[in-house]
C-alpha atoms as a PDB file:
ATOM      1  CA  MET A   1     -42.904   4.379 -57.181  1.00  0.00           C
ATOM      2  CA  THR A   2     -40.157   5.684 -59.395  1.00  0.00           C
ATOM      3  CA  GLU A   3     -40.478   6.858 -62.954  1.00  0.00           C
ATOM      4  CA  ASN A   4     -38.598   3.752 -64.108  1.00  0.00           C
ATOM      5  CA  SER A   5     -41.368   1.498 -62.804  1.00  0.00           C
ATOM      6  CA  GLY A   6     -43.585   2.617 -65.660  1.00  0.00           C
ATOM      7  CA  TYR A   7     -46.219   3.944 -63.259  1.00  0.00           C
ATOM      8  CA  GLN A   8     -47.215   7.595 -63.326  1.00  0.00           C
ATOM      9  CA  PRO A   9     -49.737   9.207 -60.934  1.00  0.00           C
ATOM     10  CA  LEU A  10     -52.967  10.240 -62.602  1.00  0.00           C
ATOM     11  CA  SER A  11     -52.280  13.857 -61.657  1.00  0.00           C
ATOM     12  CA  TYR A  12     -48.988  13.680 -63.587  1.00  0.00           C
ATOM     13  CA  ILE A  13     -50.774  12.310 -66.642  1.00  0.00           C
ATOM     14  CA  ALA A  14     -53.289  15.154 -66.480  1.00  0.00           C
ATOM     15  CA  TYR A  15     -50.507  17.700 -65.943  1.00  0.00           C
ATOM     16  CA  HIS A  16     -48.477  16.408 -68.877  1.00  0.00           C
ATOM     17  CA  LYS A  17     -51.465  16.426 -71.236  1.00  0.00           C
ATOM     18  CA  LEU A  18     -52.519  19.917 -70.182  1.00  0.00           C
ATOM     19  CA  ARG A  19     -48.965  21.235 -70.470  1.00  0.00           C
ATOM     20  CA  GLN A  20     -48.676  19.863 -74.000  1.00  0.00           C
ATOM     21  CA  ASP A  21     -52.034  21.361 -74.975  1.00  0.00           C
ATOM     22  CA  ILE A  22     -50.901  24.724 -73.604  1.00  0.00           C
ATOM     23  CA  ILE A  23     -47.553  24.575 -75.429  1.00  0.00           C
ATOM     24  CA  TYR A  24     -49.206  23.777 -78.754  1.00  0.00           C
ATOM     25  CA  CYS A  25     -51.992  26.316 -78.184  1.00  0.00           C
ATOM     26  CA  ASP A  26     -54.672  23.645 -78.345  1.00  0.00           C
ATOM     27  CA  LEU A  27     -55.636  25.489 -75.172  1.00  0.00           C
ATOM     28  CA  THR A  28     -55.167  29.111 -76.156  1.00  0.00           C
ATOM     29  CA  PRO A  29     -53.944  31.931 -73.908  1.00  0.00           C
ATOM     30  CA  GLY A  30     -56.908  33.465 -72.111  1.00  0.00           C
ATOM     31  CA  GLN A  31     -59.150  30.439 -72.660  1.00  0.00           C
ATOM     32  CA  LYS A  32     -61.430  29.438 -69.793  1.00  0.00           C
ATOM     33  CA  LEU A  33     -61.001  25.854 -68.616  1.00  0.00           C
ATOM     34  CA  SER A  34     -63.828  23.575 -67.549  1.00  0.00           C
ATOM     35  CA  VAL A  35     -62.754  20.939 -65.028  1.00  0.00           C
ATOM     36  CA  ARG A  36     -65.683  18.767 -66.065  1.00  0.00           C
ATOM     37  CA  ASP A  37     -64.733  18.961 -69.742  1.00  0.00           C
ATOM     38  CA  LEU A  38     -61.114  18.132 -68.898  1.00  0.00           C
ATOM     39  CA  GLU A  39     -62.231  15.120 -66.854  1.00  0.00           C
ATOM     40  CA  GLU A  40     -64.182  13.819 -69.831  1.00  0.00           C
ATOM     41  CA  GLN A  41     -61.453  14.605 -72.347  1.00  0.00           C
ATOM     42  CA  PHE A  42     -58.736  12.820 -70.371  1.00  0.00           C
ATOM     43  CA  ALA A  43     -61.023  10.140 -68.882  1.00  0.00           C
ATOM     44  CA  LEU A  44     -59.736  11.059 -65.430  1.00  0.00           C
ATOM     45  CA  GLY A  45     -61.390  11.978 -62.152  1.00  0.00           C
ATOM     46  CA  ARG A  46     -61.797  15.431 -60.658  1.00  0.00           C
ATOM     47  CA  THR A  47     -58.962  15.085 -58.128  1.00  0.00           C
ATOM     48  CA  PRO A  48     -56.069  14.419 -60.573  1.00  0.00           C
ATOM     49  CA  VAL A  49     -57.311  17.176 -62.896  1.00  0.00           C
ATOM     50  CA  ARG A  50     -57.486  19.684 -60.041  1.00  0.00           C
ATOM     51  CA  GLU A  51     -54.052  18.634 -58.769  1.00  0.00           C
ATOM     52  CA  ALA A  52     -52.659  19.136 -62.276  1.00  0.00           C
ATOM     53  CA  LEU A  53     -54.193  22.611 -62.438  1.00  0.00           C
ATOM     54  CA  VAL A  54     -52.579  23.503 -59.117  1.00  0.00           C
ATOM     55  CA  ARG A  55     -49.177  22.494 -60.474  1.00  0.00           C
ATOM     56  CA  LEU A  56     -49.763  24.451 -63.673  1.00  0.00           C
ATOM     57  CA  SER A  57     -50.771  27.461 -61.590  1.00  0.00           C
ATOM     58  CA  GLU A  58     -47.491  27.278 -59.669  1.00  0.00           C
ATOM     59  CA  LEU A  59     -45.656  27.496 -63.006  1.00  0.00           C
ATOM     60  CA  GLY A  60     -47.712  30.491 -64.105  1.00  0.00           C
ATOM     61  CA  LEU A  61     -49.506  28.574 -66.862  1.00  0.00           C
ATOM     62  CA  VAL A  62     -53.056  28.916 -65.534  1.00  0.00           C
ATOM     63  CA  TYR A  63     -54.726  31.280 -63.084  1.00  0.00           C
ATOM     64  CA  THR A  64     -58.008  31.363 -61.224  1.00  0.00           C
ATOM     65  CA  ILE A  65     -60.411  34.267 -60.811  1.00  0.00           C
ATOM     66  CA  PRO A  66     -62.736  33.769 -57.820  1.00  0.00           C
ATOM     67  CA  GLN A  67     -66.379  33.332 -58.810  1.00  0.00           C
ATOM     68  CA  SER A  68     -65.336  33.170 -62.456  1.00  0.00           C
ATOM     69  CA  GLY A  69     -63.117  30.191 -63.218  1.00  0.00           C
ATOM     70  CA  THR A  70     -59.683  28.992 -64.270  1.00  0.00           C
ATOM     71  CA  TYR A  71     -58.012  30.379 -67.379  1.00  0.00           C
ATOM     72  CA  VAL A  72     -54.929  29.651 -69.471  1.00  0.00           C
ATOM     73  CA  SER A  73     -52.302  32.286 -68.774  1.00  0.00           C
ATOM     74  CA  ARG A  74     -50.868  34.398 -71.530  1.00  0.00           C
ATOM     75  CA  ILE A  75     -47.225  33.863 -72.390  1.00  0.00           C
ATOM     76  CA  ASP A  76     -44.988  35.583 -69.877  1.00  0.00           C
ATOM     77  CA  LEU A  77     -42.068  36.959 -71.871  1.00  0.00           C
ATOM     78  CA  HIS A  78     -40.003  37.551 -68.734  1.00  0.00           C
ATOM     79  CA  ARG A  79     -40.254  33.851 -67.865  1.00  0.00           C
ATOM     80  CA  ALA A  80     -39.571  32.913 -71.485  1.00  0.00           C
ATOM     81  CA  GLU A  81     -36.440  35.060 -71.530  1.00  0.00           C
ATOM     82  CA  ASP A  82     -35.248  33.667 -68.190  1.00  0.00           C
ATOM     83  CA  ALA A  83     -35.649  30.136 -69.583  1.00  0.00           C
ATOM     84  CA  ARG A  84     -33.781  31.128 -72.752  1.00  0.00           C
ATOM     85  CA  PHE A  85     -30.984  32.651 -70.628  1.00  0.00           C
ATOM     86  CA  MET A  86     -30.633  29.476 -68.550  1.00  0.00           C
ATOM     87  CA  ARG A  87     -30.629  27.261 -71.608  1.00  0.00           C
ATOM     88  CA  GLU A  88     -28.089  29.419 -73.444  1.00  0.00           C
ATOM     89  CA  HIS A  89     -25.588  29.419 -70.615  1.00  0.00           C
ATOM     90  CA  LEU A  90     -26.026  25.776 -69.689  1.00  0.00           C
ATOM     91  CA  GLU A  91     -26.083  24.443 -73.242  1.00  0.00           C
ATOM     92  CA  SER A  92     -23.028  26.446 -74.276  1.00  0.00           C
ATOM     93  CA  CYS A  93     -21.122  24.654 -71.504  1.00  0.00           C
ATOM     94  CA  VAL A  94     -22.720  21.248 -71.986  1.00  0.00           C
ATOM     95  CA  ILE A  95     -22.032  21.225 -75.723  1.00  0.00           C
ATOM     96  CA  ARG A  96     -18.300  21.365 -74.897  1.00  0.00           C
ATOM     97  CA  GLU A  97     -18.690  18.138 -72.922  1.00  0.00           C
ATOM     98  CA  CYS A  98     -20.728  16.676 -75.770  1.00  0.00           C
ATOM     99  CA  CYS A  99     -17.760  17.245 -78.102  1.00  0.00           C
ATOM    100  CA  ALA A 100     -15.508  15.302 -75.750  1.00  0.00           C
ATOM    101  CA  ARG A 101     -17.955  12.452 -75.101  1.00  0.00           C
ATOM    102  CA  LEU A 102     -19.330  11.909 -78.585  1.00  0.00           C
ATOM    103  CA  THR A 103     -19.339   8.238 -79.601  1.00  0.00           C
ATOM    104  CA  ASP A 104     -20.327   6.487 -82.809  1.00  0.00           C
ATOM    105  CA  GLU A 105     -23.680   5.770 -81.179  1.00  0.00           C
ATOM    106  CA  GLY A 106     -24.116   9.437 -80.313  1.00  0.00           C
ATOM    107  CA  LYS A 107     -23.181  10.445 -83.845  1.00  0.00           C
ATOM    108  CA  ALA A 108     -25.819   8.061 -85.223  1.00  0.00           C
ATOM    109  CA  THR A 109     -28.407   9.539 -82.858  1.00  0.00           C
ATOM    110  CA  PHE A 110     -27.679  13.064 -84.066  1.00  0.00           C
ATOM    111  CA  GLU A 111     -27.761  12.034 -87.723  1.00  0.00           C
ATOM    112  CA  LYS A 112     -31.095  10.270 -87.274  1.00  0.00           C
ATOM    113  CA  ILE A 113     -32.626  13.348 -85.610  1.00  0.00           C
ATOM    114  CA  ILE A 114     -31.261  15.729 -88.235  1.00  0.00           C
ATOM    115  CA  ALA A 115     -32.580  13.526 -91.072  1.00  0.00           C
ATOM    116  CA  ALA A 116     -36.025  13.391 -89.456  1.00  0.00           C
ATOM    117  CA  GLN A 117     -36.077  17.146 -88.919  1.00  0.00           C
ATOM    118  CA  GLU A 118     -35.066  17.735 -92.545  1.00  0.00           C
ATOM    119  CA  LYS A 119     -37.952  15.487 -93.602  1.00  0.00           C
ATOM    120  CA  ALA A 120     -40.354  17.486 -91.404  1.00  0.00           C
ATOM    121  CA  LEU A 121     -39.032  20.708 -92.944  1.00  0.00           C
ATOM    122  CA  THR A 122     -39.653  19.416 -96.471  1.00  0.00           C
ATOM    123  CA  ALA A 123     -43.149  18.254 -95.507  1.00  0.00           C
ATOM    124  CA  ASN A 124     -43.881  21.563 -93.770  1.00  0.00           C
ATOM    125  CA  ASP A 125     -44.865  19.535 -90.687  1.00  0.00           C
ATOM    126  CA  ALA A 126     -44.589  22.117 -87.906  1.00  0.00           C
ATOM    127  CA  ARG A 127     -45.257  19.769 -85.018  1.00  0.00           C
ATOM    128  CA  ALA A 128     -42.728  17.164 -86.125  1.00  0.00           C
ATOM    129  CA  PHE A 129     -40.159  19.876 -86.868  1.00  0.00           C
ATOM    130  CA  PHE A 130     -40.673  21.354 -83.391  1.00  0.00           C
ATOM    131  CA  GLU A 131     -40.420  17.968 -81.664  1.00  0.00           C
ATOM    132  CA  TYR A 132     -37.228  17.000 -83.505  1.00  0.00           C
ATOM    133  CA  ASP A 133     -35.803  20.425 -82.660  1.00  0.00           C
ATOM    134  CA  ASN A 134     -36.290  19.585 -78.981  1.00  0.00           C
ATOM    135  CA  GLU A 135     -34.834  16.104 -79.498  1.00  0.00           C
ATOM    136  CA  PHE A 136     -31.684  17.580 -81.059  1.00  0.00           C
ATOM    137  CA  HIS A 137     -31.008  19.755 -78.039  1.00  0.00           C
ATOM    138  CA  GLN A 138     -31.908  16.985 -75.610  1.00  0.00           C
ATOM    139  CA  ALA A 139     -29.377  14.742 -77.352  1.00  0.00           C
ATOM    140  CA  ILE A 140     -26.635  17.288 -76.656  1.00  0.00           C
ATOM    141  CA  PHE A 141     -27.331  17.016 -72.936  1.00  0.00           C
ATOM    142  CA  ASN A 142     -27.793  13.223 -72.994  1.00  0.00           C
ATOM    143  CA  ILE A 143     -24.536  12.558 -74.857  1.00  0.00           C
ATOM    144  CA  ALA A 144     -22.714  14.902 -72.473  1.00  0.00           C
ATOM    145  CA  GLY A 145     -24.104  12.886 -69.552  1.00  0.00           C
ATOM    146  CA  ARG A 146     -26.234  15.823 -68.364  1.00  0.00           C
ATOM    147  CA  HIS A 147     -29.722  14.368 -68.696  1.00  0.00           C
ATOM    148  CA  THR A 148     -30.718  15.611 -65.233  1.00  0.00           C
ATOM    149  CA  ILE A 149     -29.905  19.193 -66.209  1.00  0.00           C
ATOM    150  CA  TRP A 150     -32.074  18.870 -69.315  1.00  0.00           C
ATOM    151  CA  THR A 151     -34.945  17.531 -67.205  1.00  0.00           C
ATOM    152  CA  THR A 152     -34.616  20.499 -64.865  1.00  0.00           C
ATOM    153  CA  LEU A 153     -34.648  22.943 -67.783  1.00  0.00           C
ATOM    154  CA  GLU A 154     -37.706  21.243 -69.267  1.00  0.00           C
ATOM    155  CA  ALA A 155     -39.614  21.658 -66.015  1.00  0.00           C
ATOM    156  CA  HIS A 156     -39.234  25.444 -66.132  1.00  0.00           C
ATOM    157  CA  ASN A 157     -39.265  26.335 -69.816  1.00  0.00           C
ATOM    158  CA  THR A 158     -42.936  26.094 -70.801  1.00  0.00           C
ATOM    159  CA  HIS A 159     -43.318  29.802 -71.563  1.00  0.00           C
ATOM    160  CA  LEU A 160     -40.257  29.560 -73.823  1.00  0.00           C
ATOM    161  CA  GLN A 161     -41.660  26.452 -75.478  1.00  0.00           C
ATOM    162  CA  ARG A 162     -44.927  28.256 -76.140  1.00  0.00           C
ATOM    163  CA  PHE A 163     -43.026  31.124 -77.767  1.00  0.00           C
ATOM    164  CA  ARG A 164     -40.957  28.707 -79.851  1.00  0.00           C
ATOM    165  CA  TRP A 165     -44.049  26.856 -81.030  1.00  0.00           C
ATOM    166  CA  LEU A 166     -45.734  30.095 -82.131  1.00  0.00           C
ATOM    167  CA  ARG A 167     -42.576  30.910 -84.063  1.00  0.00           C
ATOM    168  CA  THR A 168     -43.333  27.922 -86.316  1.00  0.00           C
ATOM    169  CA  GLN A 169     -46.808  29.345 -86.959  1.00  0.00           C
ATOM    170  CA  VAL A 170     -45.667  32.751 -88.224  1.00  0.00           C
ATOM    171  CA  LYS A 171     -45.742  33.100 -91.983  1.00  0.00           C
ATOM    172  CA  GLY A 172     -42.517  34.489 -93.359  1.00  0.00           C
ATOM    173  CA  LEU A 173     -40.238  33.082 -90.651  1.00  0.00           C
ATOM    174  CA  ASP A 174     -38.093  30.532 -92.454  1.00  0.00           C
ATOM    175  CA  TRP A 175     -37.423  27.265 -90.624  1.00  0.00           C
ATOM    176  CA  SER A 176     -34.351  26.565 -92.737  1.00  0.00           C
ATOM    177  CA  ASN A 177     -32.150  28.937 -90.724  1.00  0.00           C
ATOM    178  CA  ILE A 178     -32.809  26.766 -87.636  1.00  0.00           C
ATOM    179  CA  MET A 179     -31.901  23.719 -89.691  1.00  0.00           C
ATOM    180  CA  THR A 180     -28.706  25.369 -90.935  1.00  0.00           C
ATOM    181  CA  GLN A 181     -27.660  26.207 -87.385  1.00  0.00           C
ATOM    182  CA  HIS A 182     -28.308  22.613 -86.264  1.00  0.00           C
ATOM    183  CA  HIS A 183     -26.108  21.316 -89.098  1.00  0.00           C
ATOM    184  CA  GLN A 184     -23.355  23.747 -88.083  1.00  0.00           C
ATOM    185  CA  MET A 185     -23.599  22.757 -84.419  1.00  0.00           C
ATOM    186  CA  LEU A 186     -23.465  19.068 -85.284  1.00  0.00           C
ATOM    187  CA  GLN A 187     -20.433  19.584 -87.526  1.00  0.00           C
ATOM    188  CA  ALA A 188     -18.599  21.358 -84.706  1.00  0.00           C
ATOM    189  CA  ILE A 189     -19.477  18.520 -82.315  1.00  0.00           C
ATOM    190  CA  MET A 190     -18.289  15.886 -84.808  1.00  0.00           C
ATOM    191  CA  ASP A 191     -15.088  17.880 -85.372  1.00  0.00           C
ATOM    192  CA  ARG A 192     -14.668  17.903 -81.574  1.00  0.00           C
ATOM    193  CA  ASP A 193     -14.277  21.666 -81.702  1.00  0.00           C
ATOM    194  CA  PRO A 194     -15.631  22.908 -78.339  1.00  0.00           C
ATOM    195  CA  GLU A 195     -14.918  26.581 -79.012  1.00  0.00           C
ATOM    196  CA  GLU A 196     -16.857  26.607 -82.284  1.00  0.00           C
ATOM    197  CA  ALA A 197     -19.656  24.508 -80.768  1.00  0.00           C
ATOM    198  CA  ASN A 198     -19.897  26.915 -77.845  1.00  0.00           C
ATOM    199  CA  PHE A 199     -20.069  29.930 -80.175  1.00  0.00           C
ATOM    200  CA  LEU A 200     -22.760  28.321 -82.335  1.00  0.00           C
ATOM    201  CA  ALA A 201     -24.859  27.282 -79.327  1.00  0.00           C
ATOM    202  CA  ILE A 202     -24.912  30.880 -78.071  1.00  0.00           C
ATOM    203  CA  ALA A 203     -25.786  32.237 -81.520  1.00  0.00           C
ATOM    204  CA  HIS A 204     -28.600  29.691 -81.824  1.00  0.00           C
ATOM    205  CA  ALA A 205     -30.046  30.664 -78.449  1.00  0.00           C
ATOM    206  CA  HIS A 206     -30.083  34.324 -79.529  1.00  0.00           C
ATOM    207  CA  LEU A 207     -32.394  33.562 -82.432  1.00  0.00           C
ATOM    208  CA  MET A 208     -35.314  34.490 -80.157  1.00  0.00           C
ATOM    209  CA  PHE A 209     -34.112  38.101 -80.055  1.00  0.00           C
ATOM    210  CA  SER A 210     -34.108  38.541 -83.817  1.00  0.00           C
ATOM    211  CA  GLU A 211     -37.572  37.018 -84.222  1.00  0.00           C
ATOM    212  CA  TYR A 212     -39.257  38.341 -81.102  1.00  0.00           C
ATOM    213  CA  ARG A 213     -41.230  41.134 -82.781  1.00  0.00           C
ATOM    214  CA  ALA A 214     -42.472  39.001 -85.664  1.00  0.00           C
ATOM    215  CA  VAL A 215     -43.961  36.477 -83.236  1.00  0.00           C
ATOM    216  CA  THR A 216     -45.562  38.964 -80.858  1.00  0.00           C
ATOM    217  CA  ASP A 217     -46.970  41.014 -83.731  1.00  0.00           C
ATOM    218  CA  ALA A 218     -48.560  37.890 -85.208  1.00  0.00           C
ATOM    219  CA  PHE A 219     -50.149  36.848 -81.891  1.00  0.00           C
ATOM    220  CA  PRO A 220     -50.546  40.028 -79.791  1.00  0.00           C
ATOM    221  CA  ASP A 221     -53.381  38.609 -77.676  1.00  0.00           C
ATOM    222  CA  TYR A 222     -51.290  35.616 -76.618  1.00  0.00           C
ATOM    223  CA  PHE A 223     -48.691  37.610 -74.690  1.00  0.00           C
ATOM    224  CA  ASP A 224     -48.499  39.430 -71.406  1.00  0.00           C
ATOM    225  CA  GLN A 225     -46.422  42.577 -70.867  1.00  0.00           C
ATOM    226  CA  LEU A 226     -46.003  43.598 -74.503  1.00  0.00           C
END
């Protein structure tokens, strides 16, 4: 069956839930996983949980030690940087198309997301802020007609997502600079200025570089290859 049918295999449901728990550090790097506990938590059988773990292993998110068990992998900064590189170069091109294809409906979508993210910022709601951040970037791809590219990026960016989530948990790292950059990007899109939008998208993607040390210093045990 296709995704549009509304049906999802049980292994996909388990995979999605585990991936989200890993991104948000509900399952922390280095934590040992119990298949039995996961079965009970998700109300799923052993087979879909094991199939989900195999898929997560292929993405470098969990690993198994023989005679010991399965563990959550630490954040691989090389994979995170590769995902950031792909997103930077694809989004900087896609945002040009977004400028050309923006409609009144697309404008309303952006404004709704920005308003919700501002509300999350005021409420200091990290999870909502993070989710609306993702929605803002997804909207750029959707409005440009590049939803498939976004889906492909999402499938390979979990280590980057984990890094970005931890960034929201570091005291002293202001969220407002992200918000300011989103406002600037949206203004360039609404002005239909592809050159400015392209420049701002690249600058936004480089935010990881300037904040890299603050995040890894705050969570040294969560990262590989420091």
